[in-house]
Structures are given as C-alpha cells and as structure tokens.
N, C-alpha and C. Protein backbone atom coordinates (compact mmCIF):
# COMPACT_ATOMS: atom_id res chain seq x y z
N MET A 1 49.29 35.37 70.35
CA MET A 1 49.41 36.23 68.94
C MET A 1 50.42 37.25 69.11
N TYR A 2 50.81 37.81 70.33
CA TYR A 2 51.54 38.96 70.73
C TYR A 2 53.05 38.28 70.16
N PHE A 3 53.37 36.90 70.49
CA PHE A 3 54.71 36.62 70.49
C PHE A 3 54.74 35.68 69.27
N GLN A 4 53.70 35.24 68.55
CA GLN A 4 54.08 35.26 67.13
C GLN A 4 54.24 36.16 65.91
N PHE A 5 54.00 37.81 66.49
CA PHE A 5 53.95 38.74 66.31
C PHE A 5 55.65 38.43 66.54
N LEU A 6 56.32 38.83 67.51
CA LEU A 6 57.36 38.61 67.67
C LEU A 6 58.30 37.88 66.72
N GLU A 7 58.28 36.82 66.86
CA GLU A 7 58.35 35.56 66.16
C GLU A 7 58.73 35.71 64.42
N LEU A 8 57.59 36.59 64.29
CA LEU A 8 57.71 36.97 62.58
C LEU A 8 58.67 38.17 62.48
N ARG A 9 58.24 39.37 62.84
CA ARG A 9 58.93 40.77 62.80
C ARG A 9 59.96 40.87 63.10
N HIS A 10 60.57 40.41 64.18
CA HIS A 10 61.73 41.11 65.21
C HIS A 10 62.57 39.75 65.34
N GLN A 11 62.62 38.81 65.20
CA GLN A 11 63.46 37.55 65.45
C GLN A 11 64.93 37.80 65.20
N VAL A 12 65.01 38.27 64.07
CA VAL A 12 66.39 38.49 64.10
C VAL A 12 67.07 39.45 64.59
N GLU A 13 66.24 40.52 65.03
CA GLU A 13 67.25 41.34 65.62
C GLU A 13 66.94 41.25 67.13
N LEU A 14 66.30 40.16 67.91
CA LEU A 14 66.32 40.02 68.90
C LEU A 14 67.34 39.10 69.16
N HIS A 15 67.24 38.43 68.24
CA HIS A 15 68.39 37.50 68.16
C HIS A 15 69.96 37.97 68.31
N ASN A 16 69.97 39.30 67.54
CA ASN A 16 71.26 40.02 67.39
C ASN A 16 71.35 40.54 68.67
N LEU A 17 70.30 41.21 69.39
CA LEU A 17 70.79 42.08 70.77
C LEU A 17 70.85 41.23 71.92
N THR A 18 69.99 39.84 71.97
CA THR A 18 70.11 39.55 73.16
C THR A 18 71.03 37.46 72.87
N GLY A 19 71.29 37.56 71.97
CA GLY A 19 72.16 35.90 71.25
C GLY A 19 71.06 34.87 71.44
N ARG A 20 69.64 35.56 71.73
CA ARG A 20 68.79 34.17 72.01
C ARG A 20 67.71 33.99 70.86
N ILE A 21 66.98 33.04 70.74
CA ILE A 21 66.05 32.36 69.48
C ILE A 21 64.52 32.86 70.44
N VAL A 22 63.73 33.70 69.78
CA VAL A 22 62.61 33.81 70.26
C VAL A 22 61.63 32.76 69.80
N GLU A 23 60.85 32.23 71.10
CA GLU A 23 59.90 30.85 70.95
C GLU A 23 58.65 31.50 71.61
N CYS A 24 57.44 30.83 70.76
CA CYS A 24 56.41 31.49 71.65
C CYS A 24 56.48 30.52 73.02
N PRO A 25 56.13 30.99 74.52
CA PRO A 25 55.96 30.15 75.46
C PRO A 25 54.77 29.76 75.70
N LEU A 26 53.91 29.97 74.61
CA LEU A 26 52.73 29.14 75.03
C LEU A 26 52.76 27.63 74.19
N ASP A 27 52.32 26.25 74.97
CA ASP A 27 52.35 25.01 73.99
C ASP A 27 51.51 25.07 73.11
N GLU A 28 51.23 23.97 72.20
CA GLU A 28 50.21 24.04 71.00
C GLU A 28 48.74 23.99 71.74
N ILE A 29 48.82 23.32 73.07
CA ILE A 29 47.46 22.79 73.25
C ILE A 29 46.99 24.64 74.03
N ASN A 30 47.75 25.66 74.49
CA ASN A 30 47.22 26.81 74.76
C ASN A 30 47.44 28.04 74.21
N ARG A 31 47.91 27.65 73.10
CA ARG A 31 47.82 28.82 72.15
C ARG A 31 46.49 29.53 71.85
N PRO A 32 45.66 30.38 71.80
CA PRO A 32 44.82 30.61 71.07
C PRO A 32 44.33 30.32 69.70
N ARG A 33 43.32 29.53 69.43
CA ARG A 33 42.88 29.14 68.14
C ARG A 33 42.49 30.46 67.06
N ALA A 34 43.17 30.02 66.14
CA ALA A 34 42.95 31.24 65.10
C ALA A 34 42.95 30.36 64.00
N SER A 35 41.88 30.79 62.89
CA SER A 35 41.19 30.60 61.76
C SER A 35 42.14 30.72 60.74
N VAL A 36 43.04 31.40 60.82
CA VAL A 36 44.40 31.27 59.57
C VAL A 36 45.83 31.20 60.74
N ASP A 37 46.67 30.92 59.80
CA ASP A 37 48.22 31.34 60.70
C ASP A 37 48.49 32.71 60.56
N PRO A 38 49.50 33.37 61.44
CA PRO A 38 49.70 34.27 61.15
C PRO A 38 50.92 34.91 60.09
N GLN A 39 50.56 35.88 59.68
CA GLN A 39 51.62 36.00 58.21
C GLN A 39 52.19 37.64 58.83
N LEU A 40 53.45 37.58 58.01
CA LEU A 40 54.16 38.73 58.13
C LEU A 40 53.72 39.83 57.23
N ARG A 41 53.14 41.00 57.58
CA ARG A 41 52.42 42.46 56.91
C ARG A 41 53.83 43.15 56.91
N ILE A 42 54.35 43.65 55.78
CA ILE A 42 55.27 44.54 55.48
C ILE A 42 54.11 46.05 54.64
N PRO A 43 53.92 47.04 56.20
CA PRO A 43 53.69 48.20 55.54
C PRO A 43 53.80 48.92 54.39
N PRO A 44 53.09 49.16 53.79
CA PRO A 44 53.35 49.88 52.21
C PRO A 44 54.43 51.22 52.27
N THR A 45 55.13 51.15 51.54
CA THR A 45 56.01 52.40 51.26
C THR A 45 55.35 53.56 50.73
N ALA A 46 56.09 54.90 51.57
CA ALA A 46 55.75 56.09 51.06
C ALA A 46 55.16 56.30 49.72
N GLU A 47 56.38 55.72 49.08
CA GLU A 47 55.77 56.12 47.29
C GLU A 47 54.78 55.03 47.15
N GLU A 48 53.93 54.02 47.70
CA GLU A 48 53.13 53.27 47.46
C GLU A 48 51.84 53.85 48.28
N ILE A 49 51.82 54.43 49.29
CA ILE A 49 51.05 55.70 49.86
C ILE A 49 50.38 56.85 48.92
N GLU A 50 51.59 57.16 48.49
CA GLU A 50 51.61 58.64 47.67
C GLU A 50 50.92 57.97 46.50
N GLN A 51 51.55 56.74 45.76
CA GLN A 51 50.01 56.89 44.67
C GLN A 51 48.94 56.03 44.59
N LEU A 52 48.92 55.63 45.76
CA LEU A 52 47.10 55.42 46.28
C LEU A 52 46.40 56.88 46.45
N PHE A 53 47.17 57.76 46.89
CA PHE A 53 46.59 58.79 46.83
C PHE A 53 46.35 59.89 45.84
N ALA A 54 47.27 59.65 44.98
CA ALA A 54 47.36 60.33 43.81
C ALA A 54 46.23 59.58 42.41
N GLY A 55 46.19 58.39 42.65
CA GLY A 55 44.67 58.08 41.98
C GLY A 55 43.58 58.27 42.52
N TRP A 56 43.35 58.36 43.89
CA TRP A 56 42.24 58.77 44.71
C TRP A 56 42.11 60.35 43.71
N ARG A 57 42.83 61.29 43.98
CA ARG A 57 42.81 62.99 43.64
C ARG A 57 42.22 62.76 42.34
N ALA A 58 43.12 61.87 41.43
CA ALA A 58 42.88 61.93 39.89
C ALA A 58 40.96 61.19 39.91
N GLU A 59 40.82 60.68 40.82
CA GLU A 59 39.14 60.36 40.72
C GLU A 59 38.33 61.32 41.12
N LEU A 60 38.50 62.12 41.49
CA LEU A 60 37.83 63.30 42.32
C LEU A 60 37.41 64.33 41.54
N ALA A 61 37.81 64.33 40.07
CA ALA A 61 37.64 65.21 39.12
C ALA A 61 36.58 64.33 38.11
N THR A 62 36.29 63.31 38.27
CA THR A 62 35.42 62.73 37.45
C THR A 62 34.36 61.35 38.30
N CYS A 63 34.30 61.83 39.04
CA CYS A 63 33.49 60.79 40.24
C CYS A 63 32.11 61.46 39.89
N ARG A 64 31.07 60.27 40.17
CA ARG A 64 29.63 60.96 40.27
C ARG A 64 29.19 61.67 41.29
N LYS A 65 29.59 60.98 42.48
CA LYS A 65 29.03 62.18 43.70
C LYS A 65 30.48 62.27 44.12
N PHE A 66 30.84 63.59 44.22
CA PHE A 66 31.92 64.29 44.67
C PHE A 66 31.44 64.19 46.22
N ALA A 67 30.81 64.65 46.87
CA ALA A 67 30.62 64.79 48.40
C ALA A 67 31.13 63.99 49.02
N PRO A 68 30.99 62.60 48.88
CA PRO A 68 31.30 61.41 49.49
C PRO A 68 32.54 61.12 49.10
N THR A 69 32.86 60.89 47.91
CA THR A 69 34.57 60.67 47.44
C THR A 69 35.78 61.79 48.24
N ALA A 70 34.67 62.68 48.63
CA ALA A 70 36.02 64.04 48.81
C ALA A 70 35.97 63.69 50.22
N ARG A 71 34.91 63.48 51.03
CA ARG A 71 35.11 62.93 52.56
C ARG A 71 35.67 61.85 52.67
N ASN A 72 35.63 60.96 51.91
CA ASN A 72 36.29 59.34 52.18
C ASN A 72 38.00 59.91 51.80
N TYR A 73 38.00 60.84 50.86
CA TYR A 73 39.30 61.13 50.65
C TYR A 73 39.95 61.35 51.73
N ALA A 74 39.53 62.64 52.07
CA ALA A 74 39.87 63.78 53.37
C ALA A 74 40.21 62.96 54.87
N VAL A 75 39.28 61.82 55.40
CA VAL A 75 39.47 61.04 56.03
C VAL A 75 40.48 60.22 56.08
N ALA A 76 40.71 59.54 54.87
CA ALA A 76 42.30 58.60 54.83
C ALA A 76 43.42 59.33 54.28
N ARG A 77 43.27 60.69 54.32
CA ARG A 77 44.45 61.48 54.04
C ARG A 77 44.73 61.82 55.21
N LEU A 78 43.74 62.10 56.37
CA LEU A 78 44.10 62.23 57.36
C LEU A 78 44.74 61.11 58.46
N ALA A 79 44.15 60.34 58.23
CA ALA A 79 44.44 58.66 58.84
C ALA A 79 45.88 58.92 58.47
N ALA A 80 46.33 58.80 57.41
CA ALA A 80 47.25 58.53 56.84
C ALA A 80 48.76 59.87 57.23
N ASP A 81 48.10 60.78 57.05
CA ASP A 81 49.24 62.27 57.42
C ASP A 81 49.10 62.33 59.02
N VAL A 82 48.20 61.97 59.62
CA VAL A 82 48.11 62.70 61.03
C VAL A 82 47.83 61.75 61.78
N GLY A 83 47.43 60.79 61.50
CA GLY A 83 47.56 59.71 62.49
C GLY A 83 45.93 59.54 63.27
N LEU A 84 45.00 60.23 62.31
CA LEU A 84 43.92 60.22 62.93
C LEU A 84 42.98 58.73 62.75
N ARG A 85 42.04 58.54 64.14
CA ARG A 85 41.63 57.12 64.33
C ARG A 85 40.43 57.30 63.85
N ILE A 86 39.29 56.52 63.32
CA ILE A 86 38.02 56.42 62.47
C ILE A 86 37.51 57.47 63.60
N ASN A 87 37.56 56.71 65.15
CA ASN A 87 36.17 57.38 65.96
C ASN A 87 36.81 58.92 66.33
N GLU A 88 37.92 59.52 66.47
CA GLU A 88 37.99 60.82 65.83
C GLU A 88 37.77 61.46 64.89
N ALA A 89 37.37 60.97 63.94
CA ALA A 89 37.67 61.50 62.46
C ALA A 89 36.10 61.68 62.65
N CYS A 90 35.44 60.15 63.17
CA CYS A 90 33.66 60.60 63.06
C CYS A 90 33.41 61.50 63.91
N MET A 91 33.86 62.58 64.85
CA MET A 91 33.67 63.16 65.74
C MET A 91 33.88 64.75 65.30
N LEU A 92 34.94 64.95 64.39
CA LEU A 92 34.76 66.25 63.66
C LEU A 92 33.77 67.09 63.40
N ASP A 93 33.98 68.27 63.58
CA ASP A 93 32.90 69.18 63.03
C ASP A 93 33.73 70.20 62.43
N LEU A 94 33.06 71.00 61.31
CA LEU A 94 33.55 72.32 60.50
C LEU A 94 34.38 72.91 61.36
N GLY A 95 34.29 73.49 62.68
CA GLY A 95 34.43 73.87 64.01
C GLY A 95 35.84 73.61 64.02
N ASP A 96 36.08 72.42 64.46
CA ASP A 96 37.71 71.89 64.69
C ASP A 96 38.31 72.31 63.71
N VAL A 97 38.04 72.76 62.55
CA VAL A 97 39.24 72.79 61.25
C VAL A 97 39.38 74.62 61.37
N ARG A 98 41.07 74.73 62.05
CA ARG A 98 41.33 76.28 62.36
C ARG A 98 42.15 76.68 61.20
N TRP A 99 42.02 76.77 59.93
CA TRP A 99 42.66 77.35 58.80
C TRP A 99 43.68 78.55 59.15
N GLU A 100 43.47 78.97 59.99
CA GLU A 100 44.22 80.27 60.43
C GLU A 100 45.18 80.35 61.25
N LEU A 101 45.17 79.28 61.80
CA LEU A 101 46.39 78.88 62.90
C LEU A 101 47.54 77.82 62.02
N GLY A 102 48.65 78.97 61.44
CA GLY A 102 49.72 77.81 60.88
C GLY A 102 49.62 77.83 59.57
N ARG A 103 50.63 77.46 58.85
CA ARG A 103 50.69 77.46 57.16
C ARG A 103 49.51 75.84 56.91
N PHE A 104 49.36 75.39 57.42
CA PHE A 104 48.09 74.62 57.00
C PHE A 104 47.22 74.03 57.88
N GLY A 105 46.87 75.45 58.85
CA GLY A 105 46.31 75.42 59.88
C GLY A 105 46.09 74.34 61.10
N LYS A 106 45.29 73.91 61.96
CA LYS A 106 45.70 73.52 63.11
C LYS A 106 43.67 72.37 63.14
N LEU A 107 43.92 71.24 63.67
CA LEU A 107 42.57 70.65 63.45
C LEU A 107 42.29 69.92 65.03
N ASN A 108 41.66 70.33 65.70
CA ASN A 108 41.22 70.49 67.38
C ASN A 108 40.22 68.79 66.92
N VAL A 109 40.95 67.92 68.19
CA VAL A 109 40.71 66.14 67.79
C VAL A 109 39.66 65.99 69.38
N ARG A 110 39.15 66.21 69.29
CA ARG A 110 38.07 65.90 70.46
C ARG A 110 38.11 64.25 70.47
N TYR A 111 37.74 63.69 71.89
CA TYR A 111 37.77 62.64 72.37
C TYR A 111 38.99 61.74 71.15
N GLY A 112 39.96 62.15 72.10
CA GLY A 112 41.17 61.26 71.05
C GLY A 112 41.51 60.45 72.06
N GLY A 113 42.30 59.37 71.45
CA GLY A 113 43.11 58.19 72.32
C GLY A 113 43.65 58.19 73.79
N PHE A 114 44.00 59.53 74.08
CA PHE A 114 45.39 59.65 74.98
C PHE A 114 44.17 60.13 76.44
N SER A 115 42.99 60.67 75.70
CA SER A 115 42.50 61.69 76.81
C SER A 115 41.18 61.26 76.55
N SER A 116 40.24 60.68 77.83
CA SER A 116 39.08 60.72 77.45
C SER A 116 38.22 61.88 77.42
N GLN A 117 38.60 62.97 78.16
CA GLN A 117 38.03 63.83 78.42
C GLN A 117 38.42 65.44 77.54
N GLY A 118 39.72 65.47 77.72
CA GLY A 118 40.29 66.75 76.81
C GLY A 118 39.97 66.29 75.10
N SER A 119 40.76 67.33 74.60
CA SER A 119 41.19 67.00 73.40
C SER A 119 42.49 67.67 72.92
N GLN A 120 42.68 67.71 71.99
CA GLN A 120 44.33 67.42 71.34
C GLN A 120 44.29 68.37 69.89
N THR A 121 45.48 69.03 69.83
CA THR A 121 45.40 69.56 68.77
C THR A 121 46.86 68.83 67.75
N ALA A 122 46.28 68.47 66.52
CA ALA A 122 46.94 68.08 65.53
C ALA A 122 47.30 68.58 64.56
N ALA A 123 48.57 69.04 63.54
CA ALA A 123 48.87 69.98 63.00
C ALA A 123 48.32 69.18 61.34
N GLY A 124 48.08 70.32 60.74
CA GLY A 124 47.07 69.72 59.72
C GLY A 124 47.98 69.46 58.46
N ALA A 125 47.45 68.59 57.87
CA ALA A 125 48.25 67.58 56.93
C ALA A 125 48.57 68.37 55.75
N ALA A 126 49.52 68.19 54.69
CA ALA A 126 49.96 69.20 53.46
C ALA A 126 49.12 68.29 52.43
N ASP A 127 47.79 69.02 51.92
CA ASP A 127 47.43 68.44 50.59
C ASP A 127 45.99 68.44 50.68
C-alpha cells in the first residue's frame, strides 16, 4: 500500500528529485489484495473546512438536541485545529481545559500519541 501511495501522490516529485520513475517493487502475485484500487485523495482546502464548520455552527442555533451537537462540533473542531485524535478526545475531562492560560486557553491532553505515560499541552483552538 505504501508504494501505491508513493506512486499516486509523489511520483512526479520523486522523478524530479531522483530522475527515476517510482514503481512498486512487489509483483502482482505478492501485492496485498484490496477490495478497491487505491485512489488519490486530495485533502480539503482551508476554505472548504471553514465552510463545513460555518454550516455546522449555524445548525447549532436550531438543532433539536444542543448538547450532543455542540459536543460533536467541539471534538471535530479540536481534531481539525489542534490535531487531537479520537482516543485523546475521549479521555478529556472538564479539568483538562485551562481557560486562564493564554488567549485561547490550554488543553491538557492525557494519553497522547507520542507518550504512553505523560501528558502534552495543546494550544487552544480559536473558535
């Protein structure tokens, strides 16, 4: 899968750097079976992400159940702005949000990806 990613996403850049064409070293028999062929996935632009969250913010005013919608919005916003993972978001408590620290506050992320024992502090997201 990794070589297919390189072929799809970085073939031109690698060719410009090395002068060689990237090819998967695995033959057809030894490649892992996939139900679908990999396709190039372009991440959304900043404007598209902001448009998504703007629509979501507008829905907050008229939604039937505010608490779950606000929770989902906040977690998605943290994931988009700070890079918070799902497991890290699940482990958050109200005490982890420190509004008094800095302009947007600080977020104490326990059980982060880079450390299995310690915690890390992520800058708060503006919104």
